């Protein structure tokens, strides 16, 4: 997920960024309310983590302006204020949650993930599309109950598309999400990531989830129940079976041990024996 952190204290911002990145987030940082508003208006963030006390304006004003501009990015307010009135005011202006300082790293990450899930229409940490299951907490992907091993970039791309299922995502959006505008490679790298991701999902039994919208980008869609039912289960790894014993050649010499094990011929009748003697 992509997070916009608005915090004026450099030391605090560095610590918060490390916490969020440990949960797999790409973090952009702004140290003023005005800069935070500008970034939130122009880029697609999953959540805005907002300090209440900023040098140019209060965090309340940032939330008010965002909602007035119809920017619906979820907002988590961080503040040392513990008064109920402070929390009520922030939530009434349009913030999604209010976390008082000091707080535990695990609680921060859990709240961020919960807010993002709810904003995308998911209530559980495990997101399901057909037979594909993506867990935001553990960053694990399974198809038909079996794990699919993805690289960090492949997982980030899949997570972005699952959270925005049905939406067409441009290559620029993928680059911003993966690199946050820092040291971005060429745009064709997205095609490479998508190709590898498709192959891994197809081998696992989740084919045709990622669609190409020519001239625009890529999207992931919810498969129909019929498509899910018709999706073949992934094949188990093949094992080499023991070779079958070869039948002996009719011209091969018969060993004595083989003669001893062979069944005895039937006994001739008395008349047949007499005819043979004659």
C-alpha atoms as a PDB file:
ATOM      1  CA  UNK A   1       0.000   0.000   0.000  1.00  0.00           C
ATOM      2  CA  UNK A   2       1.044   3.617  -0.502  1.00  0.00           C
ATOM      3  CA  UNK A   3       0.992   5.941   2.508  1.00  0.00           C
ATOM      4  CA  UNK A   4       1.255   9.720   2.716  1.00  0.00           C
ATOM      5  CA  UNK A   5       2.778  10.752   6.044  1.00  0.00           C
ATOM      6  CA  UNK A   6       2.312  14.391   7.090  1.00  0.00           C
ATOM      7  CA  UNK A   7       4.614  15.088  10.060  1.00  0.00           C
ATOM      8  CA  UNK A   8       6.820  18.130  10.662  1.00  0.00           C
ATOM      9  CA  UNK A   9       9.255  16.597  13.173  1.00  0.00           C
ATOM     10  CA  UNK A  10      12.049  14.928  11.195  1.00  0.00           C
ATOM     11  CA  UNK A  11      12.975  12.389  13.872  1.00  0.00           C
ATOM     12  CA  UNK A  12       9.363  11.355  14.402  1.00  0.00           C
ATOM     13  CA  UNK A  13       8.768  11.181  10.656  1.00  0.00           C
ATOM     14  CA  UNK A  14      11.792   8.934  10.193  1.00  0.00           C
ATOM     15  CA  UNK A  15      10.601   6.583  12.928  1.00  0.00           C
ATOM     16  CA  UNK A  16       7.050   6.440  11.581  1.00  0.00           C
ATOM     17  CA  UNK A  17       8.322   5.794   8.061  1.00  0.00           C
ATOM     18  CA  UNK A  18      10.383   2.844   9.283  1.00  0.00           C
ATOM     19  CA  UNK A  19       7.359   1.429  11.113  1.00  0.00           C
ATOM     20  CA  UNK A  20       5.120   1.709   8.064  1.00  0.00           C
ATOM     21  CA  UNK A  21       7.731   0.304   5.696  1.00  0.00           C
ATOM     22  CA  UNK A  22       8.163  -2.689   7.986  1.00  0.00           C
ATOM     23  CA  UNK A  23       4.513  -3.435   7.206  1.00  0.00           C
ATOM     24  CA  UNK A  24       5.210  -3.361   3.472  1.00  0.00           C
ATOM     25  CA  UNK A  25       4.100   0.210   2.748  1.00  0.00           C
ATOM     26  CA  UNK A  26       5.622   2.707   0.339  1.00  0.00           C
ATOM     27  CA  UNK A  27       5.796   6.005   2.255  1.00  0.00           C
ATOM     28  CA  UNK A  28       5.814   9.578   0.934  1.00  0.00           C
ATOM     29  CA  UNK A  29       6.558  12.321   3.476  1.00  0.00           C
ATOM     30  CA  UNK A  30       5.360  15.914   3.720  1.00  0.00           C
ATOM     31  CA  UNK A  31       6.356  18.217   6.587  1.00  0.00           C
ATOM     32  CA  UNK A  32       3.631  20.866   6.185  1.00  0.00           C
ATOM     33  CA  UNK A  33      -0.119  20.759   5.819  1.00  0.00           C
ATOM     34  CA  UNK A  34      -0.005  22.628   2.501  1.00  0.00           C
ATOM     35  CA  UNK A  35       2.449  20.151   0.992  1.00  0.00           C
ATOM     36  CA  UNK A  36       0.345  17.264   2.265  1.00  0.00           C
ATOM     37  CA  UNK A  37      -2.769  18.725   0.635  1.00  0.00           C
ATOM     38  CA  UNK A  38      -0.940  19.172  -2.664  1.00  0.00           C
ATOM     39  CA  UNK A  39       0.309  15.581  -2.709  1.00  0.00           C
ATOM     40  CA  UNK A  40      -3.058  14.145  -1.663  1.00  0.00           C
ATOM     41  CA  UNK A  41      -4.810  16.011  -4.486  1.00  0.00           C
ATOM     42  CA  UNK A  42      -2.451  14.798  -7.203  1.00  0.00           C
ATOM     43  CA  UNK A  43      -1.566  11.227  -6.228  1.00  0.00           C
ATOM     44  CA  UNK A  44      -3.556   8.139  -5.361  1.00  0.00           C
ATOM     45  CA  UNK A  45      -2.774   7.150  -1.761  1.00  0.00           C
ATOM     46  CA  UNK A  46      -4.265   4.278   0.192  1.00  0.00           C
ATOM     47  CA  UNK A  47      -4.162   6.279   3.432  1.00  0.00           C
ATOM     48  CA  UNK A  48      -2.954   9.596   4.878  1.00  0.00           C
ATOM     49  CA  UNK A  49      -1.285   9.433   8.303  1.00  0.00           C
ATOM     50  CA  UNK A  50      -1.611  12.941   9.701  1.00  0.00           C
ATOM     51  CA  UNK A  51      -0.035  14.640  12.704  1.00  0.00           C
ATOM     52  CA  UNK A  52      -2.403  17.062  14.350  1.00  0.00           C
ATOM     53  CA  UNK A  53       0.134  19.799  15.163  1.00  0.00           C
ATOM     54  CA  UNK A  54       1.759  21.191  11.990  1.00  0.00           C
ATOM     55  CA  UNK A  55       3.720  24.449  11.521  1.00  0.00           C
ATOM     56  CA  UNK A  56       1.371  26.065   8.987  1.00  0.00           C
ATOM     57  CA  UNK A  57      -2.055  24.703   9.996  1.00  0.00           C
ATOM     58  CA  UNK A  58      -3.723  22.197  12.278  1.00  0.00           C
ATOM     59  CA  UNK A  59      -4.380  18.689  11.068  1.00  0.00           C
ATOM     60  CA  UNK A  60      -8.086  19.447  11.471  1.00  0.00           C
ATOM     61  CA  UNK A  61      -7.795  22.025   8.693  1.00  0.00           C
ATOM     62  CA  UNK A  62      -6.043  19.513   6.427  1.00  0.00           C
ATOM     63  CA  UNK A  63      -8.930  17.080   6.866  1.00  0.00           C
ATOM     64  CA  UNK A  64     -11.531  19.808   6.296  1.00  0.00           C
ATOM     65  CA  UNK A  65      -9.905  20.971   3.050  1.00  0.00           C
ATOM     66  CA  UNK A  66      -9.489  17.433   1.771  1.00  0.00           C
ATOM     67  CA  UNK A  67     -13.149  16.628   2.273  1.00  0.00           C
ATOM     68  CA  UNK A  68     -14.218  19.992   0.843  1.00  0.00           C
ATOM     69  CA  UNK A  69     -12.207  19.162  -2.300  1.00  0.00           C
ATOM     70  CA  UNK A  70     -13.882  15.713  -2.412  1.00  0.00           C
ATOM     71  CA  UNK A  71     -10.590  13.910  -1.849  1.00  0.00           C
ATOM     72  CA  UNK A  72     -11.767  10.716  -0.164  1.00  0.00           C
ATOM     73  CA  UNK A  73      -8.391   9.286   0.900  1.00  0.00           C
ATOM     74  CA  UNK A  74      -8.732   7.655   4.348  1.00  0.00           C
ATOM     75  CA  UNK A  75      -7.136   9.682   7.164  1.00  0.00           C
ATOM     76  CA  UNK A  76      -5.576   8.447  10.402  1.00  0.00           C
ATOM     77  CA  UNK A  77      -4.833  11.286  12.845  1.00  0.00           C
ATOM     78  CA  UNK A  78      -1.885  10.969  15.235  1.00  0.00           C
ATOM     79  CA  UNK A  79      -1.869  13.231  18.285  1.00  0.00           C
ATOM     80  CA  UNK A  80      -0.705  13.536  21.849  1.00  0.00           C
ATOM     81  CA  UNK A  81      -4.114  14.969  22.778  1.00  0.00           C
ATOM     82  CA  UNK A  82      -6.117  12.492  24.822  1.00  0.00           C
ATOM     83  CA  UNK A  83      -9.241  14.578  25.396  1.00  0.00           C
ATOM     84  CA  UNK A  84     -12.381  12.991  23.939  1.00  0.00           C
ATOM     85  CA  UNK A  85     -13.299  16.354  22.392  1.00  0.00           C
ATOM     86  CA  UNK A  86     -10.164  16.275  20.221  1.00  0.00           C
ATOM     87  CA  UNK A  87     -11.034  12.836  18.882  1.00  0.00           C
ATOM     88  CA  UNK A  88     -14.676  13.741  18.301  1.00  0.00           C
ATOM     89  CA  UNK A  89     -13.699  16.870  16.349  1.00  0.00           C
ATOM     90  CA  UNK A  90     -11.296  15.000  14.076  1.00  0.00           C
ATOM     91  CA  UNK A  91     -13.759  12.214  13.342  1.00  0.00           C
ATOM     92  CA  UNK A  92     -16.585  14.692  12.749  1.00  0.00           C
ATOM     93  CA  UNK A  93     -14.513  16.546  10.139  1.00  0.00           C
ATOM     94  CA  UNK A  94     -14.003  13.336   8.170  1.00  0.00           C
ATOM     95  CA  UNK A  95     -11.035  11.499   9.658  1.00  0.00           C
ATOM     96  CA  UNK A  96     -11.369   7.720   9.768  1.00  0.00           C
ATOM     97  CA  UNK A  97      -9.480   7.044  13.005  1.00  0.00           C
ATOM     98  CA  UNK A  98      -7.619   8.825  15.795  1.00  0.00           C
ATOM     99  CA  UNK A  99      -4.561   7.306  17.488  1.00  0.00           C
ATOM    100  CA  UNK A 100      -3.059   8.931  20.579  1.00  0.00           C
ATOM    101  CA  UNK A 101       0.683   9.063  21.241  1.00  0.00           C
ATOM    102  CA  UNK A 102       2.604   7.133  22.367  1.00  0.00           C
ATOM    103  CA  UNK A 103       1.492   4.011  20.531  1.00  0.00           C
ATOM    104  CA  UNK A 104       2.822   0.569  19.704  1.00  0.00           C
ATOM    105  CA  UNK A 105       4.211  -0.140  16.239  1.00  0.00           C
ATOM    106  CA  UNK A 106       1.974  -3.176  15.858  1.00  0.00           C
ATOM    107  CA  UNK A 107      -1.115  -1.148  16.721  1.00  0.00           C
ATOM    108  CA  UNK A 108      -0.231   1.534  14.171  1.00  0.00           C
ATOM    109  CA  UNK A 109       0.228  -1.005  11.371  1.00  0.00           C
ATOM    110  CA  UNK A 110      -2.930  -2.897  12.357  1.00  0.00           C
ATOM    111  CA  UNK A 111      -5.015   0.286  12.344  1.00  0.00           C
ATOM    112  CA  UNK A 112      -3.606   1.402   8.989  1.00  0.00           C
ATOM    113  CA  UNK A 113      -4.351  -1.979   7.408  1.00  0.00           C
ATOM    114  CA  UNK A 114      -7.855  -2.095   8.893  1.00  0.00           C
ATOM    115  CA  UNK A 115      -8.690   1.393   7.590  1.00  0.00           C
ATOM    116  CA  UNK A 116      -7.405   0.556   4.105  1.00  0.00           C
ATOM    117  CA  UNK A 117      -9.363  -2.729   4.037  1.00  0.00           C
ATOM    118  CA  UNK A 118     -12.611  -1.044   5.015  1.00  0.00           C
ATOM    119  CA  UNK A 119     -12.116   1.756   2.508  1.00  0.00           C
ATOM    120  CA  UNK A 120     -11.819  -0.841  -0.277  1.00  0.00           C
ATOM    121  CA  UNK A 121     -14.857  -2.822   0.841  1.00  0.00           C
ATOM    122  CA  UNK A 122     -13.072  -5.668   2.646  1.00  0.00           C
ATOM    123  CA  UNK A 123     -13.785  -6.554   6.263  1.00  0.00           C
ATOM    124  CA  UNK A 124     -11.176  -9.286   6.794  1.00  0.00           C
ATOM    125  CA  UNK A 125      -7.366  -9.268   6.453  1.00  0.00           C
ATOM    126  CA  UNK A 126      -7.677 -12.085   3.933  1.00  0.00           C
ATOM    127  CA  UNK A 127      -8.909 -10.816   0.563  1.00  0.00           C
ATOM    128  CA  UNK A 128     -10.594 -13.344  -1.745  1.00  0.00           C
ATOM    129  CA  UNK A 129     -10.998 -13.237  -5.526  1.00  0.00           C
ATOM    130  CA  UNK A 130     -12.204 -16.544  -6.900  1.00  0.00           C
ATOM    131  CA  UNK A 131      -9.709 -19.145  -5.735  1.00  0.00           C
ATOM    132  CA  UNK A 132      -7.060 -16.466  -5.089  1.00  0.00           C
ATOM    133  CA  UNK A 133      -6.489 -15.484  -1.456  1.00  0.00           C
ATOM    134  CA  UNK A 134      -4.278 -12.543  -0.432  1.00  0.00           C
ATOM    135  CA  UNK A 135      -3.536 -11.847   3.236  1.00  0.00           C
ATOM    136  CA  UNK A 136      -2.635  -8.221   3.946  1.00  0.00           C
ATOM    137  CA  UNK A 137      -1.253  -8.974   7.400  1.00  0.00           C
ATOM    138  CA  UNK A 138       1.099 -11.831   6.510  1.00  0.00           C
ATOM    139  CA  UNK A 139       1.623 -10.728   2.862  1.00  0.00           C
ATOM    140  CA  UNK A 140       0.946 -14.292   1.745  1.00  0.00           C
ATOM    141  CA  UNK A 141      -0.765 -15.370  -1.471  1.00  0.00           C
ATOM    142  CA  UNK A 142      -2.559 -18.678  -1.920  1.00  0.00           C
ATOM    143  CA  UNK A 143      -4.431 -20.238  -4.817  1.00  0.00           C
ATOM    144  CA  UNK A 144      -6.748 -23.099  -3.997  1.00  0.00           C
ATOM    145  CA  UNK A 145      -5.217 -23.208  -0.521  1.00  0.00           C
ATOM    146  CA  UNK A 146      -1.666 -23.712  -1.822  1.00  0.00           C
ATOM    147  CA  UNK A 147       1.011 -21.008  -1.358  1.00  0.00           C
ATOM    148  CA  UNK A 148       2.262 -18.987  -4.324  1.00  0.00           C
ATOM    149  CA  UNK A 149       5.760 -17.553  -3.889  1.00  0.00           C
ATOM    150  CA  UNK A 150       6.043 -13.981  -5.199  1.00  0.00           C
ATOM    151  CA  UNK A 151       8.809 -11.413  -5.084  1.00  0.00           C
ATOM    152  CA  UNK A 152       8.265  -8.191  -3.152  1.00  0.00           C
ATOM    153  CA  UNK A 153       7.459  -6.211  -6.297  1.00  0.00           C
ATOM    154  CA  UNK A 154       5.118  -8.915  -7.636  1.00  0.00           C
ATOM    155  CA  UNK A 155       3.225  -8.984  -4.344  1.00  0.00           C
ATOM    156  CA  UNK A 156       2.962  -5.170  -4.262  1.00  0.00           C
ATOM    157  CA  UNK A 157       1.507  -5.146  -7.786  1.00  0.00           C
ATOM    158  CA  UNK A 158      -0.999  -7.880  -6.958  1.00  0.00           C
ATOM    159  CA  UNK A 159      -2.017  -6.181  -3.700  1.00  0.00           C
ATOM    160  CA  UNK A 160      -2.539  -2.869  -5.495  1.00  0.00           C
ATOM    161  CA  UNK A 161      -4.775  -4.472  -8.127  1.00  0.00           C
ATOM    162  CA  UNK A 162      -6.769  -6.545  -5.625  1.00  0.00           C
ATOM    163  CA  UNK A 163      -7.453  -3.473  -3.474  1.00  0.00           C
ATOM    164  CA  UNK A 164      -8.602  -1.673  -6.634  1.00  0.00           C
ATOM    165  CA  UNK A 165     -10.342  -4.547  -8.394  1.00  0.00           C
ATOM    166  CA  UNK A 166     -12.300  -3.451 -11.436  1.00  0.00           C
ATOM    167  CA  UNK A 167     -10.199  -0.285 -11.852  1.00  0.00           C
ATOM    168  CA  UNK A 168      -7.780   0.226 -14.735  1.00  0.00           C
ATOM    169  CA  UNK A 169      -4.317   1.056 -13.385  1.00  0.00           C
ATOM    170  CA  UNK A 170      -1.802   2.808 -15.610  1.00  0.00           C
ATOM    171  CA  UNK A 171       1.874   1.946 -15.712  1.00  0.00           C
ATOM    172  CA  UNK A 172       2.580   5.323 -14.117  1.00  0.00           C
ATOM    173  CA  UNK A 173       0.373   4.335 -11.182  1.00  0.00           C
ATOM    174  CA  UNK A 174       2.322   1.113 -10.745  1.00  0.00           C
ATOM    175  CA  UNK A 175       5.649   2.956 -10.855  1.00  0.00           C
ATOM    176  CA  UNK A 176       4.480   5.504  -8.273  1.00  0.00           C
ATOM    177  CA  UNK A 177       3.191   2.731  -6.043  1.00  0.00           C
ATOM    178  CA  UNK A 178       6.367   0.648  -6.272  1.00  0.00           C
ATOM    179  CA  UNK A 179       9.010   3.369  -6.166  1.00  0.00           C
ATOM    180  CA  UNK A 180       7.286   6.476  -4.792  1.00  0.00           C
ATOM    181  CA  UNK A 181       8.890   8.692  -7.434  1.00  0.00           C
ATOM    182  CA  UNK A 182      12.411   7.735  -6.325  1.00  0.00           C
ATOM    183  CA  UNK A 183      14.857   6.139  -8.801  1.00  0.00           C
ATOM    184  CA  UNK A 184      12.070   4.904 -11.053  1.00  0.00           C
ATOM    185  CA  UNK A 185      13.183   2.493 -13.805  1.00  0.00           C
ATOM    186  CA  UNK A 186      11.818   2.517 -17.341  1.00  0.00           C
ATOM    187  CA  UNK A 187       8.093   1.994 -17.713  1.00  0.00           C
ATOM    188  CA  UNK A 188       8.480  -1.299 -19.569  1.00  0.00           C
ATOM    189  CA  UNK A 189       9.584  -2.932 -16.301  1.00  0.00           C
ATOM    190  CA  UNK A 190       5.888  -3.017 -15.341  1.00  0.00           C
ATOM    191  CA  UNK A 191       5.163  -5.252 -18.345  1.00  0.00           C
ATOM    192  CA  UNK A 192       7.910  -7.602 -17.164  1.00  0.00           C
ATOM    193  CA  UNK A 193       6.500  -7.747 -13.614  1.00  0.00           C
ATOM    194  CA  UNK A 194       2.961  -8.353 -14.903  1.00  0.00           C
ATOM    195  CA  UNK A 195       4.141 -11.110 -17.256  1.00  0.00           C
ATOM    196  CA  UNK A 196       5.950 -12.964 -14.463  1.00  0.00           C
ATOM    197  CA  UNK A 197       3.025 -12.513 -12.084  1.00  0.00           C
ATOM    198  CA  UNK A 198       0.568 -13.886 -14.644  1.00  0.00           C
ATOM    199  CA  UNK A 199       2.709 -16.952 -15.232  1.00  0.00           C
ATOM    200  CA  UNK A 200       2.971 -17.744 -11.518  1.00  0.00           C
ATOM    201  CA  UNK A 201      -0.768 -17.336 -10.985  1.00  0.00           C
ATOM    202  CA  UNK A 202      -1.593 -19.424 -14.059  1.00  0.00           C
ATOM    203  CA  UNK A 203       0.682 -22.251 -12.941  1.00  0.00           C
ATOM    204  CA  UNK A 204      -1.043 -22.183  -9.551  1.00  0.00           C
ATOM    205  CA  UNK A 205      -4.501 -22.396 -11.128  1.00  0.00           C
ATOM    206  CA  UNK A 206      -5.614 -18.728 -11.110  1.00  0.00           C
ATOM    207  CA  UNK A 207      -5.575 -17.890 -14.795  1.00  0.00           C
ATOM    208  CA  UNK A 208      -7.154 -14.897 -16.555  1.00  0.00           C
ATOM    209  CA  UNK A 209      -7.440 -12.723 -13.438  1.00  0.00           C
ATOM    210  CA  UNK A 210      -5.255  -9.901 -14.771  1.00  0.00           C
ATOM    211  CA  UNK A 211      -6.588  -8.231 -17.877  1.00  0.00           C
ATOM    212  CA  UNK A 212      -4.882  -5.845 -20.299  1.00  0.00           C
ATOM    213  CA  UNK A 213      -6.697  -2.680 -21.348  1.00  0.00           C
ATOM    214  CA  UNK A 214      -4.801  -1.719 -24.472  1.00  0.00           C
ATOM    215  CA  UNK A 215      -3.446   1.803 -24.425  1.00  0.00           C
ATOM    216  CA  UNK A 216      -4.401   2.327 -20.778  1.00  0.00           C
ATOM    217  CA  UNK A 217      -2.957  -0.299 -18.428  1.00  0.00           C
ATOM    218  CA  UNK A 218      -3.970  -3.375 -16.439  1.00  0.00           C
ATOM    219  CA  UNK A 219      -6.837  -4.371 -14.189  1.00  0.00           C
ATOM    220  CA  UNK A 220      -7.919  -7.308 -12.060  1.00  0.00           C
ATOM    221  CA  UNK A 221     -11.520  -8.431 -11.959  1.00  0.00           C
ATOM    222  CA  UNK A 222     -13.687 -10.671  -9.831  1.00  0.00           C
ATOM    223  CA  UNK A 223     -14.141 -13.988 -11.681  1.00  0.00           C
ATOM    224  CA  UNK A 224     -17.669 -15.285 -12.093  1.00  0.00           C
ATOM    225  CA  UNK A 225     -18.766 -18.328 -10.022  1.00  0.00           C
ATOM    226  CA  UNK A 226     -18.771 -20.400 -13.215  1.00  0.00           C
ATOM    227  CA  UNK A 227     -15.186 -19.423 -14.031  1.00  0.00           C
ATOM    228  CA  UNK A 228     -14.107 -20.275 -10.497  1.00  0.00           C
ATOM    229  CA  UNK A 229     -15.823 -23.661 -10.664  1.00  0.00           C
ATOM    230  CA  UNK A 230     -14.241 -24.478 -14.027  1.00  0.00           C
ATOM    231  CA  UNK A 231     -10.728 -23.459 -12.972  1.00  0.00           C
ATOM    232  CA  UNK A 232      -8.607 -26.620 -12.878  1.00  0.00           C
ATOM    233  CA  UNK A 233      -6.792 -27.423  -9.682  1.00  0.00           C
ATOM    234  CA  UNK A 234      -3.000 -27.077  -9.831  1.00  0.00           C
ATOM    235  CA  UNK A 235      -1.268 -30.308 -10.716  1.00  0.00           C
ATOM    236  CA  UNK A 236       0.865 -31.914  -8.020  1.00  0.00           C
ATOM    237  CA  UNK A 237       4.573 -32.232  -8.791  1.00  0.00           C
ATOM    238  CA  UNK A 238       5.287 -35.240 -10.966  1.00  0.00           C
ATOM    239  CA  UNK A 239       7.308 -38.118  -9.601  1.00  0.00           C
ATOM    240  CA  UNK A 240       9.322 -40.585 -11.578  1.00  0.00           C
ATOM    241  CA  UNK A 241       7.831 -44.067 -11.155  1.00  0.00           C
ATOM    242  CA  UNK A 242       9.931 -47.196 -10.958  1.00  0.00           C
ATOM    243  CA  UNK A 243      10.473 -48.809 -14.387  1.00  0.00           C
ATOM    244  CA  UNK A 244       8.341 -51.838 -15.171  1.00  0.00           C
ATOM    245  CA  UNK A 245      10.210 -55.155 -15.356  1.00  0.00           C
ATOM    246  CA  UNK A 246      10.946 -56.268 -18.916  1.00  0.00           C
ATOM    247  CA  UNK A 247       9.392 -59.508 -20.114  1.00  0.00           C
ATOM    248  CA  UNK A 248      12.055 -62.100 -20.918  1.00  0.00           C
ATOM    249  CA  UNK A 249      12.813 -62.681 -24.572  1.00  0.00           C
ATOM    250  CA  UNK A 250      11.532 -66.051 -25.947  1.00  0.00           C
ATOM    251  CA  UNK A 251      15.025 -66.692 -27.325  1.00  0.00           C
ATOM    252  CA  UNK A 252      16.790 -66.002 -24.038  1.00  0.00           C
ATOM    253  CA  UNK A 253      18.301 -69.068 -22.317  1.00  0.00           C
ATOM    254  CA  UNK A 254      16.258 -70.328 -19.408  1.00  0.00           C
ATOM    255  CA  UNK A 255      18.130 -70.344 -16.141  1.00  0.00           C
ATOM    256  CA  UNK A 256      17.963 -73.327 -13.862  1.00  0.00           C
ATOM    257  CA  UNK A 257      16.325 -71.284 -11.120  1.00  0.00           C
ATOM    258  CA  UNK A 258      13.621 -70.283 -13.573  1.00  0.00           C
ATOM    259  CA  UNK A 259      13.026 -73.929 -14.521  1.00  0.00           C
ATOM    260  CA  UNK A 260      12.646 -74.872 -10.881  1.00  0.00           C
ATOM    261  CA  UNK A 261      10.053 -72.172 -10.325  1.00  0.00           C
ATOM    262  CA  UNK A 262       8.108 -72.937 -13.499  1.00  0.00           C
ATOM    263  CA  UNK A 263       4.838 -74.927 -13.103  1.00  0.00           C
ATOM    264  CA  UNK A 264       5.112 -78.669 -13.843  1.00  0.00           C
ATOM    265  CA  UNK A 265       3.484 -79.902 -17.095  1.00  0.00           C
ATOM    266  CA  UNK A 266       0.245 -81.818 -16.728  1.00  0.00           C
ATOM    267  CA  UNK A 267       0.502 -85.655 -16.582  1.00  0.00           C
ATOM    268  CA  UNK A 268      -0.392 -87.499 -19.770  1.00  0.00           C
ATOM    269  CA  UNK A 269      -3.254 -89.972 -19.721  1.00  0.00           C
ATOM    270  CA  UNK A 270      -2.600 -93.717 -20.098  1.00  0.00           C
ATOM    271  CA  UNK A 271      -3.849 -93.876 -23.731  1.00  0.00           C
ATOM    272  CA  UNK A 272      -1.710 -90.884 -24.732  1.00  0.00           C
ATOM    273  CA  UNK A 273       1.317 -92.542 -23.109  1.00  0.00           C
ATOM    274  CA  UNK A 274       0.693 -95.766 -25.000  1.00  0.00           C
ATOM    275  CA  UNK A 275       0.358 -93.948 -28.324  1.00  0.00           C
ATOM    276  CA  UNK A 276       3.579 -92.099 -27.625  1.00  0.00           C
ATOM    277  CA  UNK A 277       5.382 -95.385 -26.866  1.00  0.00           C
ATOM    278  CA  UNK A 278       4.098 -96.906 -30.098  1.00  0.00           C
END
